[in-house]
Protein backbone atom coordinates (compact mmCIF):
# COMPACT_ATOMS: atom_id res chain seq x y z
CA MET A 1 132.36 102.24 115.11
CA LYS A 2 132.86 105.09 112.69
CA SER A 3 130.92 108.28 113.15
CA SER A 4 129.24 107.95 109.77
CA SER A 5 128.08 104.43 110.69
CA PHE A 6 126.59 105.86 113.87
CA ILE A 7 124.65 108.40 111.82
CA TYR A 8 123.35 105.64 109.54
CA TYR A 9 122.18 103.62 112.55
CA VAL A 10 120.38 106.67 113.95
CA ILE A 11 118.72 107.24 110.58
CA ILE A 12 117.61 103.60 110.51
CA PHE A 13 116.19 103.95 114.02
CA LEU A 14 114.26 107.09 113.07
CA SER A 15 112.97 105.42 109.93
CA VAL A 16 111.71 102.47 111.94
CA VAL A 17 109.93 104.91 114.28
CA LEU A 18 108.42 106.67 111.25
CA LEU A 19 107.39 103.30 109.82
CA SER A 20 105.66 102.31 113.05
CA GLN A 21 103.89 105.67 113.29
CA SER A 22 102.83 105.69 109.65
CA PHE A 23 100.10 103.12 110.27
CA GLU A 24 98.30 105.67 112.45
CA LEU A 25 98.07 108.10 109.52
CA PRO A 26 95.00 108.31 107.29
CA PHE A 27 94.72 105.37 104.90
CA SER A 28 95.39 107.52 101.84
CA ILE A 29 98.98 108.36 102.86
CA VAL A 30 100.03 105.18 104.65
CA GLY A 31 101.53 103.69 101.48
CA TYR A 32 103.56 106.82 100.77
CA SER A 33 104.94 106.94 104.31
CA VAL A 34 105.74 103.22 104.38
CA PHE A 35 107.47 103.46 101.00
CA LEU A 36 109.67 106.36 102.13
CA SER A 37 110.54 104.66 105.42
CA LEU A 38 111.52 101.41 103.73
CA LEU A 39 113.51 103.28 101.08
CA ILE A 40 115.48 105.15 103.77
CA ILE A 41 116.11 101.95 105.75
CA ILE A 42 117.30 100.01 102.68
CA THR A 43 119.55 102.88 101.55
CA SER A 44 121.11 103.19 105.01
CA VAL A 45 121.77 99.45 105.24
CA ILE A 46 123.42 99.49 101.80
CA LEU A 47 125.60 102.43 102.83
CA ILE A 48 126.65 100.66 106.03
CA LEU A 49 127.56 97.50 104.10
CA LYS A 50 129.50 99.48 101.49
CA GLN A 51 131.35 101.33 104.19
CA ASP A 52 132.35 98.10 105.93
CA GLU A 53 133.68 96.67 102.66
CA SER A 54 135.78 99.68 101.78
CA ASP A 55 136.88 100.53 105.29
CA LYS A 56 140.45 101.33 104.29
CA GLU A 57 139.48 103.58 101.40
CA THR A 58 137.11 105.86 103.26
CA MET A 59 138.27 109.10 104.78
CA LYS A 60 137.54 109.85 108.37
CA LEU A 61 134.53 112.03 108.86
CA LYS A 62 135.08 115.00 111.09
CA LEU A 63 132.26 115.47 113.52
CA ASN A 64 130.98 118.91 114.16
CA LYS A 65 127.84 120.30 115.68
CA LYS A 66 126.32 121.26 112.34
CA MET A 67 126.12 117.59 111.32
CA PHE A 68 123.61 116.79 114.03
CA LEU A 69 121.41 119.86 113.57
CA PRO A 70 119.44 118.42 110.59
CA LEU A 71 118.91 115.20 112.53
CA LEU A 72 117.71 117.19 115.53
CA GLY A 73 115.43 119.20 113.23
CA ILE A 74 113.85 116.02 111.86
CA ILE A 75 113.33 114.63 115.36
CA ILE A 76 111.64 117.87 116.45
CA PHE A 77 109.57 117.83 113.24
CA ILE A 78 108.32 114.31 113.99
CA ILE A 79 107.35 115.35 117.51
CA VAL A 80 105.60 118.66 116.73
CA VAL A 81 103.79 117.64 113.52
CA GLU A 82 101.04 116.11 115.65
CA TYR A 83 100.44 119.37 117.48
CA ILE A 84 100.98 122.17 114.97
CA GLY A 85 100.24 120.30 111.76
CA TRP A 86 102.15 119.08 108.74
CA PHE A 87 102.45 122.29 106.74
CA PHE A 88 103.51 124.61 109.55
CA SER A 89 105.99 122.00 110.85
CA LEU A 90 107.41 121.52 107.37
CA PHE A 91 107.69 125.29 106.96
CA LEU A 92 109.75 125.50 110.16
CA LEU A 93 111.87 122.50 109.12
CA ILE A 94 112.70 124.00 105.73
CA MET A 95 113.54 127.34 107.35
CA SER A 96 115.80 125.65 109.91
CA PHE A 97 117.64 123.72 107.20
CA GLN A 98 118.27 126.96 105.35
CA PHE A 99 119.64 128.55 108.53
CA ILE A 100 121.91 125.52 108.98
CA LEU A 101 123.16 126.03 105.43
CA SER A 102 124.09 129.59 106.47
CA ARG A 103 121.76 131.47 104.18
CA LYS A 104 121.88 135.11 105.18
CA LYS A 105 118.88 136.69 103.46
CA TYR A 106 115.90 136.17 105.75
CA ILE A 107 113.37 137.31 103.17
CA SER A 108 114.75 134.72 100.76
CA ILE A 109 114.48 132.03 103.45
CA VAL A 110 110.85 132.86 104.19
CA LEU A 111 109.90 133.11 100.51
CA ASN A 112 111.66 129.88 99.63
CA SER A 113 110.02 128.03 102.52
CA SER A 114 106.63 129.49 101.64
CA PHE A 115 107.01 128.46 98.00
CA TRP A 116 107.75 124.83 98.91
CA ILE A 117 104.86 124.70 101.37
CA LEU A 118 102.49 126.16 98.80
CA LEU A 119 103.74 123.73 96.16
CA SER A 120 103.39 120.73 98.49
CA PHE A 121 99.90 121.89 99.48
CA LEU A 122 98.79 122.20 95.87
CA VAL A 123 100.29 118.88 94.82
CA PHE A 124 99.24 116.75 97.76
CA GLU A 125 96.01 118.37 98.95
CA LYS A 126 94.49 119.61 95.69
CA VAL A 127 95.87 117.33 92.98
CA LEU A 128 96.41 114.01 94.80
CA HIS A 129 93.69 114.63 97.44
CA LEU A 130 95.92 113.48 100.30
CA ASN A 131 95.02 115.11 103.59
CA PHE A 132 97.95 115.71 105.89
CA PRO A 133 97.46 116.16 109.64
CA MET A 134 96.33 119.68 110.51
CA GLY A 135 97.45 119.46 114.12
CA LYS A 136 95.63 119.54 117.41
CA ILE A 137 96.03 123.31 117.76
CA TRP A 138 94.21 124.01 114.48
CA GLU A 139 91.46 121.52 115.29
CA LEU A 140 90.63 123.51 118.43
CA LEU A 141 90.04 126.70 116.43
């Protein structure tokens, strides 16, 4: 099995986990979560089938540690979102992706992450009225 196929299978597995967990979310965002999960699963299956067809034409993918860091970040995000909430988890995920991409300016990383969190808050919470999980820690306060 090629390394890229392995990554696609892991992505499919994580999408199935997300799909199964999405039915525990509030009713207003279940459809959005299910749609994204199914879209990721379908895209991964298509990529696996395309790769099998053009096996001779594809170049070998060199594995390095940086390839698995985004996947690890998403797994950690899925685990901690229940405890520290959607927005803070997403903030940490965006920051970690920027570190993985070797951005050097820390102020730029924090500002960029803050901008996307603020934008997602305004769009989803204020405009679309979708309430994301606040986390168990914030509920205690």
